[in-house]
Structure formats: structure tokens, C-alpha cells
Amino acid sequence: MDRTAWVLNETELRAWLQDLIAGERTVVAPVAEDGVVVYRPLAAAGQAVLEPRGKARWSPKEFLFPRTEALYSYSFKGDAVAITDPPRPERPQVLFGVRSCDAAGLARLDEIFLSGRTDPLYAARREATTVVTAGCAAADPECFCTAVGGSPVGEEAADLQLVPLDGGWLLRVLSGKGEALVGEAAAGWSAPPAESGERVAALEREVAAQIGRNPVPQEWAKVLEGGFASPSWDRLAAHCLGCSICAYVCPSCSCFDMNHEANAWCGEQCRSWDACTFVPFTLHASGHNPRATRGGRYRQRVLHKFAFTAEGEAHFRCVGCGRCVALCPAGLDISQIVTAAAAAIQEEGADAAR
């Protein structure tokens, strides 16, 4: 589609953000809270941390896929049972200043919750959400978006895109939702220079050059899945603590557990985030656990990110944000694990062929 674009200085950007906050939308953006940057609904534009580099501690996925939510509630009235659906979003929301890797994570959640049997709760929130991304002017040490097919100025799942440019921001419209969000606010904004496209491409190359990890070949998906029974998984997972912080900070993890909260008069069915690296995740009521070993559980995580994709998908579920690398207490690096696993599996195959 033809893009509409403008150049905004910091004052213009904050003024527009303040207008959005004062309107009929909930605006969620990165804010500093107790020394950590997290996504929160804004009360004022000055709260937003809008920097040309760096990520929030967690991705914004919880504003589409909450950490815990009720799926339905019920109550007894004599012999009758009243079932109540959870409320739908009352206000549209804007996810503002989202990094490209986090927006790509939302696209992976879309594939899970909006394909086949659509999740109505997720779908309602997604429809009510406009995503404004902020490209990166520098890579953090743990970043590897380019290794999994992403970009520091990627456009996936973005309705509007902000790209840092000469101390200000280039704002580009990428969808009808984005165009509607800009509305009449652009009347006083300046058009971008003719060479802005080339400058964005140069920024992309500059940041990509800072990422030291090699691309993960798409053909490794079949290699990894073909090595399901490889003994290397136990060795590679030896240092995993099973804490699952990797899943909780991941923009694309979608696993959840179901639990029933009730008393004699009423109750509700809830779902909460869960992780395949937890021991009880696949524990059966019989006591049998099909993933009883640490290697089996860690293998599931790696394969879910790099092998178990839907038919026709040409990308990995890992988006290369690097949070799991930065926050793993055991120092595990999933990109290095994938490389090591593929090498071990291919070597085992070569040995078997001799």
C-alpha cells in the first residue's frame, strides 16, 4: 500500500501522544517503574519511555493475552445455573512504542489464537488494538532478530511505525488502523525528506551489523524435528533450571493452564500463563509424564520455537528479542542451543550413515 509519512520532533510526538491519551482510547507504552521499563497504561505523555534503543522487561502481549483471566463465571440460583461471559473491551487500546520484535511476537500469537477455532477473547482485544512500533537505532548484546528473519525496523503486525531519524522520528502509516489513528493530527506535521527511505535502509543495515549471531537456516526446522530422539537434548539442557523465565518474558509463548475457582454458590473457569519447561506441564492425572526429563522439556521449547510451525509458515516462532538470553539465570542462549543441536543431530546422522 502507498505509505503516508511525516517527520516529528520530540515535542510533536509527545503532543500527539497526549492527544491520544485524552481521547477515547487506552494508550499503553513503556514506562519506568522501580528502575525497570515495563508496559503500562499512560496517564500522561511524559510517562512514556520513548528511546531509540532498548526493550521493556516484558513484551506487551499481556494486553492481548492476559497473564490470568476468567473465561466464564457461573452462579447457582435455586435449581438454575446462570453462566456469564467475561466483559469485552469497553475502549479501544493503542500499544505505543512497541519494538519490532515484540510486534512480530503479536503476529505469532495471531497465528495461534486467530487461526482455525478463533479465541473470542483474544480476537476482541486484537480487533480493538492499534500497534505503533518504534524501530531500533542500536542493538542490545542479546538481540538476534535478524538471525530469525526479523529486522530492527521490521513492519510485521505494525499499524504505524516510528523510526528514529536525526534526533526525531519518521512516522509511517502501514495500515488502515494506523491511518485512522493519525486522523487530523498530521495537519501541522512536516513531510519527510525524499531520501528518508534510503536512510531507514541504512539504519537497518547499521543495526543489523551490530548483531553478532548468524542466521538460523529455515531447513534446520526439519533437522531439529528429525532429531527428536537425539541424545544431545539431555546434554544441551543439563544447565536448565526449569524456572521458565524464558517463557514468561517471551513475546510469542502462548502456553496456558486451566483452573477452576469455585465454592458452593458460584465459580469461574480461569486460564493462566504456563510453560512447557515446568515439570507438571504435561503431568497426567495417572502420574505419568510424557516429558519426564529435563532434556525432553527443553527440547519441546526449542522445537516449538524453531520446528513445530503451522503448515505453510515460512518463519520461526522465536522473534529474536533476546530476553530469554539476557534473563536466564543459567546463562543459556537459545540461538546457540539451536546451532549446537542442529550440528549434533547432523553429526549423528552422518555417523549412522557410515
Protein backbone atom coordinates (compact mmCIF):
# COMPACT_ATOMS: atom_id res chain seq x y z
CA MET A 1 0.00 0.00 0.00
CA ASP A 2 1.11 3.61 -0.52
CA ARG A 3 2.60 4.99 2.66
CA THR A 4 1.85 8.33 4.20
CA ALA A 5 4.77 9.60 6.26
CA TRP A 6 5.85 12.58 8.37
CA VAL A 7 8.83 13.71 10.41
CA LEU A 8 8.06 14.58 14.04
CA ASN A 9 10.29 16.15 16.61
CA GLU A 10 10.05 15.06 20.24
CA THR A 11 7.63 17.86 21.14
CA GLU A 12 5.27 17.00 18.29
CA LEU A 13 5.40 13.30 19.13
CA ARG A 14 4.59 13.90 22.82
CA ALA A 15 1.78 16.31 21.93
CA TRP A 16 0.19 13.71 19.64
CA LEU A 17 0.61 11.05 22.31
CA GLN A 18 -1.07 13.33 24.86
CA ASP A 19 -4.00 13.86 22.48
CA LEU A 20 -4.39 10.08 22.16
CA ILE A 21 -4.39 9.70 25.94
CA ALA A 22 -7.03 12.42 26.28
CA GLY A 23 -9.25 10.71 23.71
CA GLU A 24 -11.38 7.60 23.93
CA ARG A 25 -8.51 5.08 23.78
CA THR A 26 -6.37 3.42 26.42
CA VAL A 27 -2.75 4.09 25.47
CA VAL A 28 -0.18 1.55 26.67
CA ALA A 29 3.53 2.37 26.36
CA PRO A 30 6.88 1.62 28.02
CA VAL A 31 7.29 3.42 31.38
CA ALA A 32 9.97 3.34 34.06
CA GLU A 33 8.73 1.62 37.20
CA ASP A 34 11.04 0.85 40.15
CA GLY A 35 14.06 1.02 37.89
CA VAL A 36 12.60 -1.33 35.26
CA VAL A 37 10.93 -0.42 31.96
CA VAL A 38 7.54 -2.12 31.61
CA TYR A 39 4.38 -1.56 29.58
CA ARG A 40 1.64 0.31 31.41
CA PRO A 41 -1.44 2.41 30.51
CA LEU A 42 -0.39 6.07 30.35
CA ALA A 43 -1.91 8.90 32.36
CA ALA A 44 0.33 11.49 30.67
CA ALA A 45 2.62 11.53 27.63
CA GLY A 46 5.61 12.41 29.79
CA GLN A 47 5.49 8.96 31.41
CA ALA A 48 6.37 7.16 28.18
CA VAL A 49 9.95 5.98 27.72
CA LEU A 50 10.48 6.53 24.00
CA GLU A 51 14.13 5.82 23.30
CA PRO A 52 15.85 4.85 20.03
CA ARG A 53 17.16 1.65 21.63
CA GLY A 54 16.37 -0.79 24.44
CA LYS A 55 13.42 -3.02 25.33
CA ALA A 56 10.93 -3.23 28.15
CA ARG A 57 11.47 -6.08 30.61
CA TRP A 58 8.37 -7.87 29.30
CA SER A 59 6.65 -7.68 25.94
CA PRO A 60 3.18 -6.08 25.65
CA LYS A 61 1.48 -9.41 24.89
CA GLU A 62 -0.34 -9.41 28.26
CA PHE A 63 -2.60 -6.63 26.95
CA LEU A 64 -3.93 -9.10 24.36
CA PHE A 65 -3.29 -12.39 26.17
CA PRO A 66 -3.52 -11.60 29.92
CA ARG A 67 -1.39 -13.43 32.46
CA THR A 68 -4.59 -14.63 34.14
CA GLU A 69 -8.21 -14.22 33.02
CA ALA A 70 -11.64 -15.71 33.62
CA LEU A 71 -13.15 -17.50 30.63
CA TYR A 72 -16.61 -17.61 32.16
CA SER A 73 -18.29 -17.46 35.55
CA TYR A 74 -21.41 -19.12 36.92
CA SER A 75 -23.71 -18.94 39.90
CA PHE A 76 -26.50 -21.10 41.29
CA LYS A 77 -29.97 -19.63 41.73
CA GLY A 78 -32.13 -22.38 43.17
CA ASP A 79 -32.14 -25.16 40.62
CA ALA A 80 -30.99 -22.82 37.83
CA VAL A 81 -27.45 -22.05 36.80
CA ALA A 82 -26.57 -18.61 35.42
CA ILE A 83 -23.48 -18.51 33.18
CA THR A 84 -21.82 -15.17 32.49
CA ASP A 85 -19.30 -14.41 29.79
CA PRO A 86 -16.38 -12.11 30.65
CA PRO A 87 -16.74 -8.47 29.59
CA ARG A 88 -15.45 -7.44 26.19
CA PRO A 89 -13.15 -4.42 25.77
CA GLU A 90 -15.02 -1.21 26.53
CA ARG A 91 -12.39 1.05 24.97
CA PRO A 92 -10.03 0.59 22.04
CA GLN A 93 -6.36 0.47 23.00
CA VAL A 94 -3.11 1.63 21.45
CA LEU A 95 0.13 -0.25 22.06
CA PHE A 96 2.64 2.58 21.57
CA GLY A 97 6.42 2.36 21.20
CA VAL A 98 6.43 -1.42 20.64
CA ARG A 99 9.72 -2.82 19.37
CA SER A 100 9.63 -4.62 16.03
CA CYS A 101 10.49 -7.95 17.66
CA ASP A 102 7.57 -7.59 20.09
CA ALA A 103 5.20 -6.74 17.25
CA ALA A 104 6.39 -9.87 15.45
CA GLY A 105 5.54 -11.74 18.65
CA LEU A 106 1.98 -10.43 18.40
CA ALA A 107 1.84 -11.75 14.84
CA ARG A 108 2.81 -15.21 16.13
CA LEU A 109 0.03 -15.01 18.74
CA ASP A 110 -2.38 -14.04 15.96
CA GLU A 111 -1.46 -17.25 14.15
CA ILE A 112 -2.26 -19.28 17.26
CA PHE A 113 -5.38 -17.55 18.58
CA LEU A 114 -6.97 -16.34 15.33
CA SER A 115 -6.43 -19.39 13.11
CA GLY A 116 -8.83 -22.33 12.98
CA ARG A 117 -11.09 -22.03 16.02
CA THR A 118 -10.69 -18.36 16.88
CA ASP A 119 -10.27 -17.45 20.53
CA PRO A 120 -13.07 -14.89 21.04
CA LEU A 121 -11.43 -13.10 23.99
CA TYR A 122 -8.14 -12.63 22.17
CA ALA A 123 -9.94 -11.70 18.94
CA ALA A 124 -11.98 -8.96 20.64
CA ARG A 125 -8.88 -7.39 22.17
CA ARG A 126 -6.92 -7.70 18.93
CA GLU A 127 -9.63 -6.02 16.91
CA ALA A 128 -9.72 -3.15 19.42
CA THR A 129 -5.91 -2.69 19.31
CA THR A 130 -3.74 -0.45 17.16
CA VAL A 131 0.01 -1.12 17.23
CA VAL A 132 2.55 1.70 16.91
CA THR A 133 6.06 0.29 16.67
CA ALA A 134 9.38 2.04 17.34
CA GLY A 135 12.39 0.92 15.32
CA CYS A 136 15.79 0.44 16.93
CA ALA A 137 18.81 2.70 16.38
CA ALA A 138 21.12 0.22 18.13
CA ALA A 139 21.10 -3.44 19.13
CA ASP A 140 21.42 -4.73 22.68
CA PRO A 141 24.00 -7.50 23.26
CA GLU A 142 21.30 -10.20 23.47
CA CYS A 143 19.38 -9.15 20.34
CA PHE A 144 19.21 -11.58 17.40
CA CYS A 145 16.10 -10.58 15.41
CA THR A 146 18.00 -10.72 12.12
CA ALA A 147 19.08 -14.30 12.85
CA VAL A 148 15.44 -15.45 12.75
CA GLY A 149 14.32 -13.41 9.75
CA GLY A 150 13.36 -10.21 11.57
CA SER A 151 14.58 -6.64 11.32
CA PRO A 152 15.30 -3.79 13.75
CA VAL A 153 12.88 -1.72 11.68
CA GLY A 154 10.52 -4.57 10.77
CA GLU A 155 6.92 -3.80 9.81
CA GLU A 156 5.20 -7.06 10.78
CA ALA A 157 1.94 -6.53 12.73
CA ALA A 158 2.53 -2.74 12.83
CA ASP A 159 -0.23 -0.26 12.02
CA LEU A 160 2.10 2.71 12.38
CA GLN A 161 5.88 2.74 12.56
CA LEU A 162 8.21 5.22 14.24
CA VAL A 163 11.82 5.16 13.06
CA PRO A 164 14.47 7.27 14.86
CA LEU A 165 15.82 9.85 12.41
CA ASP A 166 18.15 12.80 13.09
CA GLY A 167 17.08 13.25 16.70
CA GLY A 168 13.40 12.98 15.79
CA TRP A 169 11.09 10.33 14.43
CA LEU A 170 9.89 9.29 11.00
CA LEU A 171 6.24 8.21 11.31
CA ARG A 172 4.93 5.87 8.60
CA VAL A 173 1.37 4.62 8.08
CA LEU A 174 1.23 0.86 7.44
CA SER A 175 -2.50 0.05 7.72
CA GLY A 176 -5.99 1.48 7.76
CA LYS A 177 -5.98 1.34 11.54
CA GLY A 178 -2.82 3.41 11.56
CA GLU A 179 -4.26 5.96 9.18
CA ALA A 180 -7.35 6.31 11.38
CA LEU A 181 -5.20 6.80 14.49
CA VAL A 182 -3.31 9.68 12.91
CA GLY A 183 -6.51 11.35 11.71
CA GLU A 184 -6.35 15.13 11.69
CA ALA A 185 -3.31 15.33 13.96
CA ALA A 186 -0.99 15.32 10.94
CA ALA A 187 -2.20 18.70 9.68
CA GLY A 188 0.79 20.53 11.14
CA TRP A 189 3.43 17.84 10.67
CA SER A 190 6.27 18.05 8.15
CA ALA A 191 6.73 15.78 5.18
CA PRO A 192 9.84 13.59 5.31
CA PRO A 193 12.88 14.23 3.09
CA ALA A 194 12.90 12.45 -0.25
CA GLU A 195 15.77 10.22 0.83
CA SER A 196 14.08 9.02 4.05
CA GLY A 197 13.56 5.52 2.64
CA GLU A 198 17.27 5.17 1.91
CA ARG A 199 18.12 6.46 5.38
CA VAL A 200 15.85 3.89 7.01
CA ALA A 201 17.51 1.16 4.94
CA ALA A 202 20.93 2.45 6.02
CA LEU A 203 19.82 2.39 9.69
CA GLU A 204 18.60 -1.18 9.26
CA ARG A 205 21.98 -2.24 7.86
CA GLU A 206 23.85 -0.42 10.62
CA VAL A 207 21.89 -2.05 13.44
CA ALA A 208 21.92 -5.47 11.77
CA ALA A 209 25.73 -5.25 11.62
CA GLN A 210 25.78 -4.96 15.43
CA ILE A 211 24.06 -8.35 15.82
CA GLY A 212 26.74 -10.98 16.03
CA ARG A 213 24.65 -14.13 15.62
CA ASN A 214 24.49 -15.94 12.29
CA PRO A 215 21.11 -16.52 10.61
CA VAL A 216 19.29 -19.72 11.54
CA PRO A 217 18.59 -21.55 8.24
CA GLN A 218 14.96 -22.47 7.66
CA GLU A 219 15.98 -26.00 6.72
CA TRP A 220 17.12 -26.56 10.30
CA ALA A 221 13.47 -26.90 11.28
CA LYS A 222 13.35 -30.33 9.65
CA VAL A 223 16.78 -31.22 11.02
CA LEU A 224 15.70 -30.43 14.57
CA GLU A 225 12.40 -32.26 14.29
CA GLY A 226 14.13 -35.23 12.68
CA GLY A 227 16.45 -35.37 15.68
CA PHE A 228 13.61 -35.68 18.19
CA ALA A 229 15.21 -38.80 19.70
CA SER A 230 18.75 -37.40 19.73
CA PRO A 231 20.65 -37.96 23.00
CA SER A 232 22.11 -34.45 22.59
CA TRP A 233 18.99 -32.86 24.12
CA ASP A 234 19.87 -34.13 27.59
CA ARG A 235 23.38 -32.72 27.28
CA LEU A 236 22.21 -29.36 25.93
CA ALA A 237 19.59 -29.00 28.67
CA ALA A 238 21.89 -30.00 31.51
CA HIS A 239 22.08 -26.46 32.91
CA CYS A 240 18.38 -25.58 32.52
CA LEU A 241 16.84 -24.92 35.95
CA GLY A 242 13.24 -25.33 34.78
CA CYS A 243 12.39 -21.87 36.15
CA SER A 244 10.62 -20.95 32.87
CA ILE A 245 11.53 -17.27 33.00
CA CYS A 246 12.25 -17.71 29.28
CA ALA A 247 8.57 -18.43 28.61
CA TYR A 248 7.25 -15.62 30.77
CA VAL A 249 9.34 -12.92 29.08
CA CYS A 250 8.86 -14.33 25.57
CA PRO A 251 6.67 -12.24 23.19
CA SER A 252 5.37 -15.31 21.36
CA CYS A 253 4.87 -18.00 24.03
CA SER A 254 1.21 -18.98 24.20
CA CYS A 255 1.01 -21.93 26.63
CA PHE A 256 -1.60 -21.70 29.36
CA ASP A 257 -3.14 -23.81 32.11
CA MET A 258 -6.82 -24.02 33.12
CA ASN A 259 -8.04 -23.95 36.69
CA HIS A 260 -11.45 -23.88 38.34
CA GLU A 261 -12.08 -21.45 41.21
CA ALA A 262 -15.38 -22.21 42.97
CA ASN A 263 -17.43 -22.54 46.13
CA ALA A 264 -20.92 -23.95 46.81
CA TRP A 265 -22.68 -20.94 45.23
CA CYS A 266 -20.55 -19.72 42.33
CA GLY A 267 -17.32 -20.15 40.46
CA GLU A 268 -15.27 -19.32 37.41
CA GLN A 269 -13.05 -21.06 34.90
CA CYS A 270 -9.70 -19.33 34.55
CA ARG A 271 -6.64 -19.64 32.38
CA SER A 272 -3.16 -18.51 33.27
CA TRP A 273 0.18 -18.46 31.52
CA ASP A 274 2.12 -21.69 31.77
CA ALA A 275 5.36 -23.08 30.33
CA CYS A 276 6.43 -26.34 28.72
CA THR A 277 9.64 -26.34 30.78
CA PHE A 278 7.72 -26.80 34.04
CA VAL A 279 7.68 -30.39 35.32
CA PRO A 280 3.87 -30.51 35.87
CA PHE A 281 3.05 -29.04 32.44
CA THR A 282 2.38 -32.46 30.86
CA LEU A 283 1.81 -34.41 34.07
CA HIS A 284 -1.20 -36.72 33.68
CA ALA A 285 -3.72 -37.45 36.44
CA SER A 286 -2.42 -41.02 36.39
CA GLY A 287 1.01 -39.78 37.43
CA HIS A 288 2.56 -40.47 34.04
CA ASN A 289 4.54 -37.62 32.50
CA PRO A 290 5.41 -37.96 28.78
CA ARG A 291 8.10 -35.30 29.25
CA ALA A 292 9.58 -36.58 32.46
CA THR A 293 13.16 -35.49 31.73
CA ARG A 294 14.70 -32.04 31.66
CA GLY A 295 16.01 -32.74 28.16
CA GLY A 296 12.55 -33.68 26.92
CA ARG A 297 11.07 -30.47 28.27
CA TYR A 298 13.80 -28.23 26.92
CA ARG A 299 13.59 -30.00 23.56
CA GLN A 300 9.89 -29.10 23.44
CA ARG A 301 10.66 -25.42 23.96
CA VAL A 302 13.31 -25.36 21.23
CA LEU A 303 11.21 -27.31 18.75
CA HIS A 304 8.12 -25.19 19.44
CA LYS A 305 10.15 -22.10 18.53
CA PHE A 306 12.15 -23.48 15.62
CA ALA A 307 10.42 -26.57 14.21
CA PHE A 308 6.77 -27.00 15.20
CA THR A 309 5.21 -24.32 12.99
CA ALA A 310 1.86 -24.37 11.22
CA GLU A 311 1.72 -25.71 7.67
CA GLY A 312 2.67 -23.02 5.19
CA GLU A 313 4.51 -20.83 7.71
CA ALA A 314 7.89 -19.63 6.46
CA HIS A 315 9.20 -18.22 9.72
CA PHE A 316 10.17 -19.31 13.20
CA ARG A 317 8.08 -18.64 16.30
CA CYS A 318 11.13 -17.18 18.02
CA VAL A 319 11.39 -13.46 17.16
CA GLY A 320 14.93 -12.90 18.46
CA CYS A 321 14.17 -10.34 21.17
CA GLY A 322 16.85 -11.95 23.34
CA ARG A 323 15.04 -11.53 26.67
CA CYS A 324 15.43 -15.23 27.45
CA VAL A 325 19.16 -14.88 26.82
CA ALA A 326 19.54 -11.79 29.00
CA LEU A 327 17.46 -13.10 31.90
CA CYS A 328 18.27 -16.83 32.04
CA PRO A 329 19.88 -17.43 35.46
CA ALA A 330 21.85 -20.34 33.99
CA GLY A 331 23.18 -18.32 31.05
CA LEU A 332 21.51 -20.42 28.35
CA ASP A 333 21.36 -18.85 24.86
CA ILE A 334 18.64 -20.41 22.71
CA SER A 335 20.28 -19.33 19.46
CA GLN A 336 23.47 -21.12 20.47
CA ILE A 337 21.45 -24.14 21.61
CA VAL A 338 19.74 -24.37 18.22
CA THR A 339 23.09 -24.23 16.43
CA ALA A 340 24.57 -26.87 18.72
CA ALA A 341 21.52 -29.13 18.43
CA ALA A 342 21.47 -28.95 14.63
CA ALA A 343 25.20 -29.71 14.47
CA ALA A 344 24.88 -32.68 16.86
CA ILE A 345 21.89 -34.14 15.04
CA GLN A 346 23.58 -33.82 11.65
CA GLU A 347 26.75 -35.42 13.02
CA GLU A 348 24.72 -38.31 14.48
CA GLY A 349 23.09 -38.79 11.10
CA ALA A 350 26.46 -38.81 9.36
CA ASP A 351 27.81 -41.36 11.85
CA ALA A 352 24.79 -43.59 11.30
CA ALA A 353 25.30 -43.47 7.53
CA ARG A 354 28.93 -44.62 7.74
